[in-house]
Amino acid sequence: MNNGSDNVHQGASSSQTRRRLDLGEEEELIQIPNCDMGRAAEKFKNTLIGRMFHKEGRSMDAIIGMLPKPKIWDVEGRVHGINLRNGQFQFNFDNEEDMAKVLRKRP
């Protein structure tokens, strides 16, 4: 008897997840240079870095401009967005509360 669990991927390892995502050949690893990780963690504690999937026909700069608006994140004027290119973005928040608010709204 099949209980329907054949399609469930509970406990999948990160390497299994990466294989399922099949992110494509343009993906490159981000190398982190040797540095004082404590100082770096403090400097970027209010920073969110992400990636946009399915970027064809979409403007990263437009998305960076729209996300802080009141009807989406409601942090306009308290965050600075940067287009890191290759579908990657960075948001630097003025305070931890605004970043936590945005993270609570994530899918």
PDB file of N, CA and C in Angstrom:
ATOM      1  N   MET A   1       0.839  -1.186   0.000  1.00  0.00           N
ATOM      2  CA  MET A   1       0.000   0.000   0.000  1.00  0.00           C
ATOM      3  C   MET A   1       0.884   1.250   0.000  1.00  0.00           C
ATOM      4  N   ASN A   2       0.566   2.186  -0.846  1.00  0.00           N
ATOM      5  CA  ASN A   2       1.334   3.422  -0.959  1.00  0.00           C
ATOM      6  C   ASN A   2       0.693   4.469  -0.074  1.00  0.00           C
ATOM      7  N   ASN A   3       1.452   5.022   0.858  1.00  0.00           N
ATOM      8  CA  ASN A   3       0.914   6.038   1.761  1.00  0.00           C
ATOM      9  C   ASN A   3       1.142   7.447   1.248  1.00  0.00           C
ATOM     10  N   GLY A   4       1.610   7.592   0.015  1.00  0.00           N
ATOM     11  CA  GLY A   4       1.798   8.915  -0.584  1.00  0.00           C
ATOM     12  C   GLY A   4       3.096   9.581  -0.200  1.00  0.00           C
ATOM     13  N   SER A   5       3.967   8.866   0.517  1.00  0.00           N
ATOM     14  CA  SER A   5       5.209   9.497   0.961  1.00  0.00           C
ATOM     15  C   SER A   5       6.327   9.386  -0.063  1.00  0.00           C
ATOM     16  N   ASP A   6       6.067   8.770  -1.209  1.00  0.00           N
ATOM     17  CA  ASP A   6       7.109   8.627  -2.223  1.00  0.00           C
ATOM     18  C   ASP A   6       7.633   9.970  -2.716  1.00  0.00           C
ATOM     19  N   ASN A   7       6.821  11.019  -2.669  1.00  0.00           N
ATOM     20  CA  ASN A   7       7.212  12.326  -3.189  1.00  0.00           C
ATOM     21  C   ASN A   7       7.711  13.269  -2.108  1.00  0.00           C
ATOM     22  N   VAL A   8       7.759  12.818  -0.865  1.00  0.00           N
ATOM     23  CA  VAL A   8       8.188  13.664   0.233  1.00  0.00           C
ATOM     24  C   VAL A   8       9.698  13.551   0.378  1.00  0.00           C
ATOM     25  N   HIS A   9      10.370  14.687   0.531  1.00  0.00           N
ATOM     26  CA  HIS A   9      11.832  14.714   0.644  1.00  0.00           C
ATOM     27  C   HIS A   9      12.231  15.199   2.026  1.00  0.00           C
ATOM     28  N   GLN A  10      11.707  14.594   3.070  1.00  0.00           N
ATOM     29  CA  GLN A  10      12.053  15.007   4.421  1.00  0.00           C
ATOM     30  C   GLN A  10      13.492  14.634   4.715  1.00  0.00           C
ATOM     31  N   GLY A  11      14.174  15.527   5.405  1.00  0.00           N
ATOM     32  CA  GLY A  11      15.533  15.256   5.822  1.00  0.00           C
ATOM     33  C   GLY A  11      16.543  15.220   4.692  1.00  0.00           C
ATOM     34  N   ALA A  12      16.230  15.844   3.573  1.00  0.00           N
ATOM     35  CA  ALA A  12      17.171  15.860   2.446  1.00  0.00           C
ATOM     36  C   ALA A  12      18.398  16.674   2.823  1.00  0.00           C
ATOM     37  N   SER A  13      19.555  16.206   2.402  1.00  0.00           N
ATOM     38  CA  SER A  13      20.782  16.946   2.679  1.00  0.00           C
ATOM     39  C   SER A  13      20.856  18.170   1.771  1.00  0.00           C
ATOM     40  N   SER A  14      21.734  19.100   2.130  1.00  0.00           N
ATOM     41  CA  SER A  14      21.861  20.305   1.308  1.00  0.00           C
ATOM     42  C   SER A  14      22.368  19.967  -0.088  1.00  0.00           C
ATOM     43  N   SER A  15      23.229  18.955  -0.211  1.00  0.00           N
ATOM     44  CA  SER A  15      23.705  18.591  -1.550  1.00  0.00           C
ATOM     45  C   SER A  15      22.575  18.002  -2.382  1.00  0.00           C
ATOM     46  N   GLN A  16      21.673  17.245  -1.748  1.00  0.00           N
ATOM     47  CA  GLN A  16      20.514  16.718  -2.473  1.00  0.00           C
ATOM     48  C   GLN A  16      19.611  17.865  -2.904  1.00  0.00           C
ATOM     49  N   THR A  17      19.426  18.836  -2.033  1.00  0.00           N
ATOM     50  CA  THR A  17      18.585  19.985  -2.352  1.00  0.00           C
ATOM     51  C   THR A  17      19.179  20.760  -3.518  1.00  0.00           C
ATOM     52  N   ARG A  18      20.502  20.986  -3.513  1.00  0.00           N
ATOM     53  CA  ARG A  18      21.148  21.703  -4.613  1.00  0.00           C
ATOM     54  C   ARG A  18      20.955  20.977  -5.930  1.00  0.00           C
ATOM     55  N   ARG A  19      21.057  19.645  -5.903  1.00  0.00           N
ATOM     56  CA  ARG A  19      20.858  18.884  -7.138  1.00  0.00           C
ATOM     57  C   ARG A  19      19.432  19.051  -7.637  1.00  0.00           C
ATOM     58  N   ARG A  20      18.461  19.054  -6.739  1.00  0.00           N
ATOM     59  CA  ARG A  20      17.067  19.203  -7.156  1.00  0.00           C
ATOM     60  C   ARG A  20      16.816  20.593  -7.730  1.00  0.00           C
ATOM     61  N   LEU A  21      17.470  21.617  -7.183  1.00  0.00           N
ATOM     62  CA  LEU A  21      17.264  22.976  -7.680  1.00  0.00           C
ATOM     63  C   LEU A  21      17.872  23.173  -9.058  1.00  0.00           C
ATOM     64  N   ASP A  22      18.963  22.472  -9.364  1.00  0.00           N
ATOM     65  CA  ASP A  22      19.636  22.579 -10.656  1.00  0.00           C
ATOM     66  C   ASP A  22      19.754  24.041 -11.078  1.00  0.00           C
ATOM     67  N   LEU A  23      20.571  24.787 -10.368  1.00  0.00           N
ATOM     68  CA  LEU A  23      20.655  26.229 -10.541  1.00  0.00           C
ATOM     69  C   LEU A  23      21.321  26.676 -11.833  1.00  0.00           C
ATOM     70  N   GLY A  24      21.926  25.818 -12.563  1.00  0.00           N
ATOM     71  CA  GLY A  24      22.489  26.202 -13.846  1.00  0.00           C
ATOM     72  C   GLY A  24      23.979  26.451 -13.782  1.00  0.00           C
ATOM     73  N   GLU A  25      24.568  26.586 -14.958  1.00  0.00           N
ATOM     74  CA  GLU A  25      26.016  26.718 -15.058  1.00  0.00           C
ATOM     75  C   GLU A  25      26.525  28.105 -14.691  1.00  0.00           C
ATOM     76  N   GLU A  26      25.679  29.136 -14.747  1.00  0.00           N
ATOM     77  CA  GLU A  26      26.181  30.476 -14.473  1.00  0.00           C
ATOM     78  C   GLU A  26      26.397  30.716 -12.987  1.00  0.00           C
ATOM     79  N   GLU A  27      25.977  29.791 -12.141  1.00  0.00           N
ATOM     80  CA  GLU A  27      26.160  29.945 -10.707  1.00  0.00           C
ATOM     81  C   GLU A  27      27.636  29.820 -10.360  1.00  0.00           C
ATOM     82  N   GLU A  28      28.092  30.671  -9.487  1.00  0.00           N
ATOM     83  CA  GLU A  28      29.471  30.583  -9.044  1.00  0.00           C
ATOM     84  C   GLU A  28      29.500  30.706  -7.529  1.00  0.00           C
ATOM     85  N   LEU A  29      30.448  30.048  -6.921  1.00  0.00           N
ATOM     86  CA  LEU A  29      30.590  30.108  -5.481  1.00  0.00           C
ATOM     87  C   LEU A  29      31.098  31.480  -5.075  1.00  0.00           C
ATOM     88  N   ILE A  30      30.620  31.948  -3.952  1.00  0.00           N
ATOM     89  CA  ILE A  30      31.102  33.205  -3.402  1.00  0.00           C
ATOM     90  C   ILE A  30      32.221  32.865  -2.429  1.00  0.00           C
ATOM     91  N   GLN A  31      33.418  33.320  -2.731  1.00  0.00           N
ATOM     92  CA  GLN A  31      34.576  33.055  -1.888  1.00  0.00           C
ATOM     93  C   GLN A  31      34.656  34.110  -0.791  1.00  0.00           C
ATOM     94  N   ILE A  32      34.801  33.669   0.433  1.00  0.00           N
ATOM     95  CA  ILE A  32      34.933  34.581   1.561  1.00  0.00           C
ATOM     96  C   ILE A  32      36.408  34.648   1.936  1.00  0.00           C
ATOM     97  N   PRO A  33      37.008  35.839   1.864  1.00  0.00           N
ATOM     98  CA  PRO A  33      38.432  35.950   2.193  1.00  0.00           C
ATOM     99  C   PRO A  33      38.664  35.761   3.691  1.00  0.00           C
ATOM    100  N   ASN A  34      39.890  35.423   4.050  1.00  0.00           N
ATOM    101  CA  ASN A  34      40.242  35.326   5.464  1.00  0.00           C
ATOM    102  C   ASN A  34      40.091  36.701   6.092  1.00  0.00           C
ATOM    103  N   CYS A  35      39.378  36.757   7.206  1.00  0.00           N
ATOM    104  CA  CYS A  35      39.172  38.029   7.890  1.00  0.00           C
ATOM    105  C   CYS A  35      38.711  37.746   9.315  1.00  0.00           C
ATOM    106  N   ASP A  36      38.591  38.784  10.092  1.00  0.00           N
ATOM    107  CA  ASP A  36      38.065  38.680  11.449  1.00  0.00           C
ATOM    108  C   ASP A  36      36.554  38.510  11.336  1.00  0.00           C
ATOM    109  N   MET A  37      36.076  37.278  11.477  1.00  0.00           N
ATOM    110  CA  MET A  37      34.655  36.993  11.277  1.00  0.00           C
ATOM    111  C   MET A  37      33.772  37.712  12.292  1.00  0.00           C
ATOM    112  N   GLY A  38      34.265  37.949  13.486  1.00  0.00           N
ATOM    113  CA  GLY A  38      33.490  38.679  14.487  1.00  0.00           C
ATOM    114  C   GLY A  38      33.233  40.110  14.050  1.00  0.00           C
ATOM    115  N   ARG A  39      34.272  40.746  13.523  1.00  0.00           N
ATOM    116  CA  ARG A  39      34.125  42.123  13.040  1.00  0.00           C
ATOM    117  C   ARG A  39      33.212  42.177  11.817  1.00  0.00           C
ATOM    118  N   ALA A  40      33.370  41.197  10.916  1.00  0.00           N
ATOM    119  CA  ALA A  40      32.513  41.143   9.728  1.00  0.00           C
ATOM    120  C   ALA A  40      31.061  40.899  10.120  1.00  0.00           C
ATOM    121  N   ALA A  41      30.830  40.007  11.080  1.00  0.00           N
ATOM    122  CA  ALA A  41      29.462  39.724  11.532  1.00  0.00           C
ATOM    123  C   ALA A  41      28.819  40.976  12.113  1.00  0.00           C
ATOM    124  N   GLU A  42      29.574  41.744  12.869  1.00  0.00           N
ATOM    125  CA  GLU A  42      29.045  42.984  13.445  1.00  0.00           C
ATOM    126  C   GLU A  42      28.737  44.003  12.348  1.00  0.00           C
ATOM    127  N   LYS A  43      29.636  44.122  11.381  1.00  0.00           N
ATOM    128  CA  LYS A  43      29.457  45.098  10.299  1.00  0.00           C
ATOM    129  C   LYS A  43      28.223  44.784   9.453  1.00  0.00           C
ATOM    130  N   PHE A  44      27.957  43.500   9.223  1.00  0.00           N
ATOM    131  CA  PHE A  44      26.864  43.107   8.336  1.00  0.00           C
ATOM    132  C   PHE A  44      25.674  42.494   9.071  1.00  0.00           C
ATOM    133  N   LYS A  45      25.533  42.776  10.362  1.00  0.00           N
ATOM    134  CA  LYS A  45      24.456  42.156  11.140  1.00  0.00           C
ATOM    135  C   LYS A  45      23.065  42.578  10.672  1.00  0.00           C
ATOM    136  N   ASN A  46      22.949  43.697  10.019  1.00  0.00           N
ATOM    137  CA  ASN A  46      21.652  44.158   9.508  1.00  0.00           C
ATOM    138  C   ASN A  46      21.614  44.112   7.988  1.00  0.00           C
ATOM    139  N   THR A  47      22.260  43.117   7.413  1.00  0.00           N
ATOM    140  CA  THR A  47      22.351  42.973   5.964  1.00  0.00           C
ATOM    141  C   THR A  47      21.668  41.698   5.516  1.00  0.00           C
ATOM    142  N   LEU A  48      20.885  41.825   4.463  1.00  0.00           N
ATOM    143  CA  LEU A  48      20.203  40.687   3.858  1.00  0.00           C
ATOM    144  C   LEU A  48      20.732  40.543   2.431  1.00  0.00           C
ATOM    145  N   ILE A  49      21.222  39.360   2.094  1.00  0.00           N
ATOM    146  CA  ILE A  49      21.715  39.083   0.744  1.00  0.00           C
ATOM    147  C   ILE A  49      20.856  37.980   0.160  1.00  0.00           C
ATOM    148  N   GLY A  50      20.440  38.160  -1.077  1.00  0.00           N
ATOM    149  CA  GLY A  50      19.581  37.158  -1.693  1.00  0.00           C
ATOM    150  C   GLY A  50      19.820  37.040  -3.180  1.00  0.00           C
ATOM    151  N   ARG A  51      19.011  36.190  -3.779  1.00  0.00           N
ATOM    152  CA  ARG A  51      19.126  35.900  -5.205  1.00  0.00           C
ATOM    153  C   ARG A  51      17.719  35.873  -5.802  1.00  0.00           C
ATOM    154  N   MET A  52      17.607  36.405  -7.005  1.00  0.00           N
ATOM    155  CA  MET A  52      16.342  36.371  -7.722  1.00  0.00           C
ATOM    156  C   MET A  52      16.393  35.228  -8.730  1.00  0.00           C
ATOM    157  N   PHE A  53      15.418  34.340  -8.641  1.00  0.00           N
ATOM    158  CA  PHE A  53      15.295  33.261  -9.613  1.00  0.00           C
ATOM    159  C   PHE A  53      14.349  33.720 -10.717  1.00  0.00           C
ATOM    160  N   HIS A  54      14.419  33.120 -11.866  1.00  0.00           N
ATOM    161  CA  HIS A  54      13.558  33.461 -13.011  1.00  0.00           C
ATOM    162  C   HIS A  54      13.665  34.949 -13.329  1.00  0.00           C
ATOM    163  N   LYS A  55      14.883  35.413 -13.555  1.00  0.00           N
ATOM    164  CA  LYS A  55      15.115  36.839 -13.762  1.00  0.00           C
ATOM    165  C   LYS A  55      14.886  37.329 -15.182  1.00  0.00           C
ATOM    166  N   GLU A  56      14.589  36.420 -16.112  1.00  0.00           N
ATOM    167  CA  GLU A  56      14.364  36.826 -17.495  1.00  0.00           C
ATOM    168  C   GLU A  56      13.193  37.808 -17.565  1.00  0.00           C
ATOM    169  N   GLY A  57      13.436  38.952 -18.190  1.00  0.00           N
ATOM    170  CA  GLY A  57      12.391  39.947 -18.375  1.00  0.00           C
ATOM    171  C   GLY A  57      12.089  40.771 -17.139  1.00  0.00           C
ATOM    172  N   ARG A  58      12.885  40.633 -16.095  1.00  0.00           N
ATOM    173  CA  ARG A  58      12.666  41.392 -14.870  1.00  0.00           C
ATOM    174  C   ARG A  58      13.884  42.280 -14.600  1.00  0.00           C
ATOM    175  N   SER A  59      13.637  43.437 -14.061  1.00  0.00           N
ATOM    176  CA  SER A  59      14.710  44.365 -13.732  1.00  0.00           C
ATOM    177  C   SER A  59      15.037  44.264 -12.245  1.00  0.00           C
ATOM    178  N   MET A  60      16.266  43.882 -11.937  1.00  0.00           N
ATOM    179  CA  MET A  60      16.690  43.799 -10.538  1.00  0.00           C
ATOM    180  C   MET A  60      16.601  45.169  -9.878  1.00  0.00           C
ATOM    181  N   ASP A  61      17.002  46.216 -10.599  1.00  0.00           N
ATOM    182  CA  ASP A  61      16.948  47.561 -10.029  1.00  0.00           C
ATOM    183  C   ASP A  61      15.514  47.966  -9.703  1.00  0.00           C
ATOM    184  N   ALA A  62      14.557  47.592 -10.548  1.00  0.00           N
ATOM    185  CA  ALA A  62      13.151  47.902 -10.277  1.00  0.00           C
ATOM    186  C   ALA A  62      12.666  47.154  -9.039  1.00  0.00           C
ATOM    187  N   ILE A  63      13.053  45.903  -8.907  1.00  0.00           N
ATOM    188  CA  ILE A  63      12.646  45.115  -7.739  1.00  0.00           C
ATOM    189  C   ILE A  63      13.254  45.692  -6.468  1.00  0.00           C
ATOM    190  N   ILE A  64      14.531  46.073  -6.529  1.00  0.00           N
ATOM    191  CA  ILE A  64      15.185  46.685  -5.368  1.00  0.00           C
ATOM    192  C   ILE A  64      14.467  47.971  -4.973  1.00  0.00           C
ATOM    193  N   GLY A  65      13.999  48.726  -5.951  1.00  0.00           N
ATOM    194  CA  GLY A  65      13.261  49.952  -5.661  1.00  0.00           C
ATOM    195  C   GLY A  65      11.864  49.715  -5.117  1.00  0.00           C
ATOM    196  N   MET A  66      11.245  48.607  -5.497  1.00  0.00           N
ATOM    197  CA  MET A  66       9.865  48.333  -5.081  1.00  0.00           C
ATOM    198  C   MET A  66       9.751  47.663  -3.710  1.00  0.00           C
ATOM    199  N   LEU A  67      10.658  46.767  -3.367  1.00  0.00           N
ATOM    200  CA  LEU A  67      10.519  45.988  -2.133  1.00  0.00           C
ATOM    201  C   LEU A  67      10.368  46.832  -0.865  1.00  0.00           C
ATOM    202  N   PRO A  68      11.104  47.941  -0.696  1.00  0.00           N
ATOM    203  CA  PRO A  68      10.953  48.717   0.537  1.00  0.00           C
ATOM    204  C   PRO A  68       9.624  49.465   0.670  1.00  0.00           C
ATOM    205  N   LYS A  69       8.831  49.562  -0.374  1.00  0.00           N
ATOM    206  CA  LYS A  69       7.590  50.351  -0.375  1.00  0.00           C
ATOM    207  C   LYS A  69       6.612  49.888   0.712  1.00  0.00           C
ATOM    208  N   PRO A  70       5.719  50.802   1.137  1.00  0.00           N
ATOM    209  CA  PRO A  70       4.769  50.485   2.211  1.00  0.00           C
ATOM    210  C   PRO A  70       3.904  49.249   1.970  1.00  0.00           C
ATOM    211  N   LYS A  71       3.497  48.997   0.747  1.00  0.00           N
ATOM    212  CA  LYS A  71       2.613  47.854   0.505  1.00  0.00           C
ATOM    213  C   LYS A  71       3.368  46.528   0.450  1.00  0.00           C
ATOM    214  N   ILE A  72       4.705  46.575   0.485  1.00  0.00           N
ATOM    215  CA  ILE A  72       5.480  45.328   0.435  1.00  0.00           C
ATOM    216  C   ILE A  72       6.218  45.155   1.766  1.00  0.00           C
ATOM    217  N   TRP A  73       7.372  45.779   1.945  1.00  0.00           N
ATOM    218  CA  TRP A  73       8.129  45.624   3.189  1.00  0.00           C
ATOM    219  C   TRP A  73       7.839  46.721   4.201  1.00  0.00           C
ATOM    220  N   ASP A  74       7.440  47.896   3.753  1.00  0.00           N
ATOM    221  CA  ASP A  74       7.166  49.051   4.613  1.00  0.00           C
ATOM    222  C   ASP A  74       8.403  49.491   5.410  1.00  0.00           C
ATOM    223  N   VAL A  75       9.526  49.601   4.727  1.00  0.00           N
ATOM    224  CA  VAL A  75      10.761  50.076   5.357  1.00  0.00           C
ATOM    225  C   VAL A  75      11.427  51.168   4.511  1.00  0.00           C
ATOM    226  N   GLU A  76      10.648  51.810   3.669  1.00  0.00           N
ATOM    227  CA  GLU A  76      11.184  52.819   2.755  1.00  0.00           C
ATOM    228  C   GLU A  76      11.905  53.916   3.531  1.00  0.00           C
ATOM    229  N   GLY A  77      13.108  54.277   3.068  1.00  0.00           N
ATOM    230  CA  GLY A  77      13.912  55.301   3.715  1.00  0.00           C
ATOM    231  C   GLY A  77      14.786  54.768   4.843  1.00  0.00           C
ATOM    232  N   ARG A  78      14.595  53.493   5.202  1.00  0.00           N
ATOM    233  CA  ARG A  78      15.368  52.899   6.299  1.00  0.00           C
ATOM    234  C   ARG A  78      16.182  51.689   5.838  1.00  0.00           C
ATOM    235  N   VAL A  79      16.304  51.538   4.525  1.00  0.00           N
ATOM    236  CA  VAL A  79      17.063  50.432   3.952  1.00  0.00           C
ATOM    237  C   VAL A  79      17.691  50.907   2.647  1.00  0.00           C
ATOM    238  N   HIS A  80      18.860  50.358   2.335  1.00  0.00           N
ATOM    239  CA  HIS A  80      19.546  50.700   1.086  1.00  0.00           C
ATOM    240  C   HIS A  80      19.782  49.413   0.315  1.00  0.00           C
ATOM    241  N   GLY A  81      19.232  49.320  -0.897  1.00  0.00           N
ATOM    242  CA  GLY A  81      19.385  48.131  -1.727  1.00  0.00           C
ATOM    243  C   GLY A  81      20.493  48.296  -2.752  1.00  0.00           C
ATOM    244  N   ILE A  82      21.213  47.204  -2.995  1.00  0.00           N
ATOM    245  CA  ILE A  82      22.326  47.209  -3.943  1.00  0.00           C
ATOM    246  C   ILE A  82      22.173  46.033  -4.894  1.00  0.00           C
ATOM    247  N   ASN A  83      22.306  46.302  -6.190  1.00  0.00           N
ATOM    248  CA  ASN A  83      22.296  45.248  -7.198  1.00  0.00           C
ATOM    249  C   ASN A  83      23.713  44.685  -7.284  1.00  0.00           C
ATOM    250  N   LEU A  84      23.889  43.441  -6.842  1.00  0.00           N
ATOM    251  CA  LEU A  84      25.209  42.804  -6.863  1.00  0.00           C
ATOM    252  C   LEU A  84      25.504  42.140  -8.201  1.00  0.00           C
ATOM    253  N   ARG A  85      24.562  42.210  -9.126  1.00  0.00           N
ATOM    254  CA  ARG A  85      24.661  41.603 -10.464  1.00  0.00           C
ATOM    255  C   ARG A  85      24.456  40.092 -10.398  1.00  0.00           C
ATOM    256  N   ASN A  86      24.324  39.490 -11.538  1.00  0.00           N
ATOM    257  CA  ASN A  86      24.105  38.055 -11.692  1.00  0.00           C
ATOM    258  C   ASN A  86      22.924  37.555 -10.858  1.00  0.00           C
ATOM    259  N   GLY A  87      21.880  38.397 -10.741  1.00  0.00           N
ATOM    260  CA  GLY A  87      20.673  37.991 -10.025  1.00  0.00           C
ATOM    261  C   GLY A  87      20.772  38.085  -8.518  1.00  0.00           C
ATOM    262  N   GLN A  88      21.838  38.690  -8.005  1.00  0.00           N
ATOM    263  CA  GLN A  88      22.025  38.792  -6.560  1.00  0.00           C
ATOM    264  C   GLN A  88      21.805  40.228  -6.105  1.00  0.00           C
ATOM    265  N   PHE A  89      21.300  40.355  -4.873  1.00  0.00           N
ATOM    266  CA  PHE A  89      21.038  41.676  -4.308  1.00  0.00           C
ATOM    267  C   PHE A  89      21.453  41.703  -2.847  1.00  0.00           C
ATOM    268  N   GLN A  90      21.597  42.916  -2.335  1.00  0.00           N
ATOM    269  CA  GLN A  90      21.940  43.115  -0.927  1.00  0.00           C
ATOM    270  C   GLN A  90      21.107  44.272  -0.407  1.00  0.00           C
ATOM    271  N   PHE A  91      20.541  44.113   0.785  1.00  0.00           N
ATOM    272  CA  PHE A  91      19.833  45.193   1.457  1.00  0.00           C
ATOM    273  C   PHE A  91      20.504  45.435   2.799  1.00  0.00           C
ATOM    274  N   ASN A  92      20.883  46.697   3.040  1.00  0.00           N
ATOM    275  CA  ASN A  92      21.467  47.108   4.315  1.00  0.00           C
ATOM    276  C   ASN A  92      20.402  47.893   5.076  1.00  0.00           C
ATOM    277  N   PHE A  93      19.960  47.346   6.194  1.00  0.00           N
ATOM    278  CA  PHE A  93      18.909  47.952   6.998  1.00  0.00           C
ATOM    279  C   PHE A  93      19.514  48.868   8.050  1.00  0.00           C
ATOM    280  N   ASP A  94      18.792  49.961   8.357  1.00  0.00           N
ATOM    281  CA  ASP A  94      19.255  50.892   9.381  1.00  0.00           C
ATOM    282  C   ASP A  94      19.185  50.276  10.771  1.00  0.00           C
ATOM    283  N   ASN A  95      18.252  49.341  10.970  1.00  0.00           N
ATOM    284  CA  ASN A  95      18.110  48.745  12.298  1.00  0.00           C
ATOM    285  C   ASN A  95      17.653  47.288  12.210  1.00  0.00           C
ATOM    286  N   GLU A  96      17.911  46.562  13.275  1.00  0.00           N
ATOM    287  CA  GLU A  96      17.605  45.133  13.342  1.00  0.00           C
ATOM    288  C   GLU A  96      16.098  44.867  13.286  1.00  0.00           C
ATOM    289  N   GLU A  97      15.304  45.759  13.849  1.00  0.00           N
ATOM    290  CA  GLU A  97      13.854  45.564  13.879  1.00  0.00           C
ATOM    291  C   GLU A  97      13.265  45.529  12.473  1.00  0.00           C
ATOM    292  N   ASP A  98      13.727  46.427  11.606  1.00  0.00           N
ATOM    293  CA  ASP A  98      13.220  46.439  10.228  1.00  0.00           C
ATOM    294  C   ASP A  98      13.614  45.164   9.481  1.00  0.00           C
ATOM    295  N   MET A  99      14.842  44.699   9.685  1.00  0.00           N
ATOM    296  CA  MET A  99      15.256  43.470   9.017  1.00  0.00           C
ATOM    297  C   MET A  99      14.431  42.286   9.528  1.00  0.00           C
ATOM    298  N   ALA A 100      14.184  42.221  10.823  1.00  0.00           N
ATOM    299  CA  ALA A 100      13.368  41.138  11.386  1.00  0.00           C
ATOM    300  C   ALA A 100      11.945  41.199  10.836  1.00  0.00           C
ATOM    301  N   LYS A 101      11.413  42.404  10.676  1.00  0.00           N
ATOM    302  CA  LYS A 101      10.068  42.585  10.114  1.00  0.00           C
ATOM    303  C   LYS A 101      10.001  42.021   8.699  1.00  0.00           C
ATOM    304  N   VAL A 102      11.011  42.307   7.891  1.00  0.00           N
ATOM    305  CA  VAL A 102      11.066  41.807   6.515  1.00  0.00           C
ATOM    306  C   VAL A 102      11.187  40.284   6.508  1.00  0.00           C
ATOM    307  N   LEU A 103      12.031  39.739   7.351  1.00  0.00           N
ATOM    308  CA  LEU A 103      12.223  38.286   7.390  1.00  0.00           C
ATOM    309  C   LEU A 103      10.959  37.553   7.840  1.00  0.00           C
ATOM    310  N   ARG A 104      10.161  38.175   8.685  1.00  0.00           N
ATOM    311  CA  ARG A 104       8.887  37.549   9.097  1.00  0.00           C
ATOM    312  C   ARG A 104       7.906  37.467   7.935  1.00  0.00           C
ATOM    313  N   LYS A 105       8.036  38.345   6.947  1.00  0.00           N
ATOM    314  CA  LYS A 105       7.121  38.355   5.802  1.00  0.00           C
ATOM    315  C   LYS A 105       7.558  37.419   4.684  1.00  0.00           C
ATOM    316  N   ARG A 106       8.681  36.754   4.849  1.00  0.00           N
ATOM    317  CA  ARG A 106       9.199  35.896   3.771  1.00  0.00           C
ATOM    318  C   ARG A 106       8.241  34.750   3.478  1.00  0.00           C
ATOM    319  N   PRO A 107       8.366  34.206   2.262  1.00  0.00           N
ATOM    320  CA  PRO A 107       7.480  33.090   1.903  1.00  0.00           C
ATOM    321  C   PRO A 107       7.804  31.836   2.678  1.00  0.00           C
TER     322      PRO A 107
END
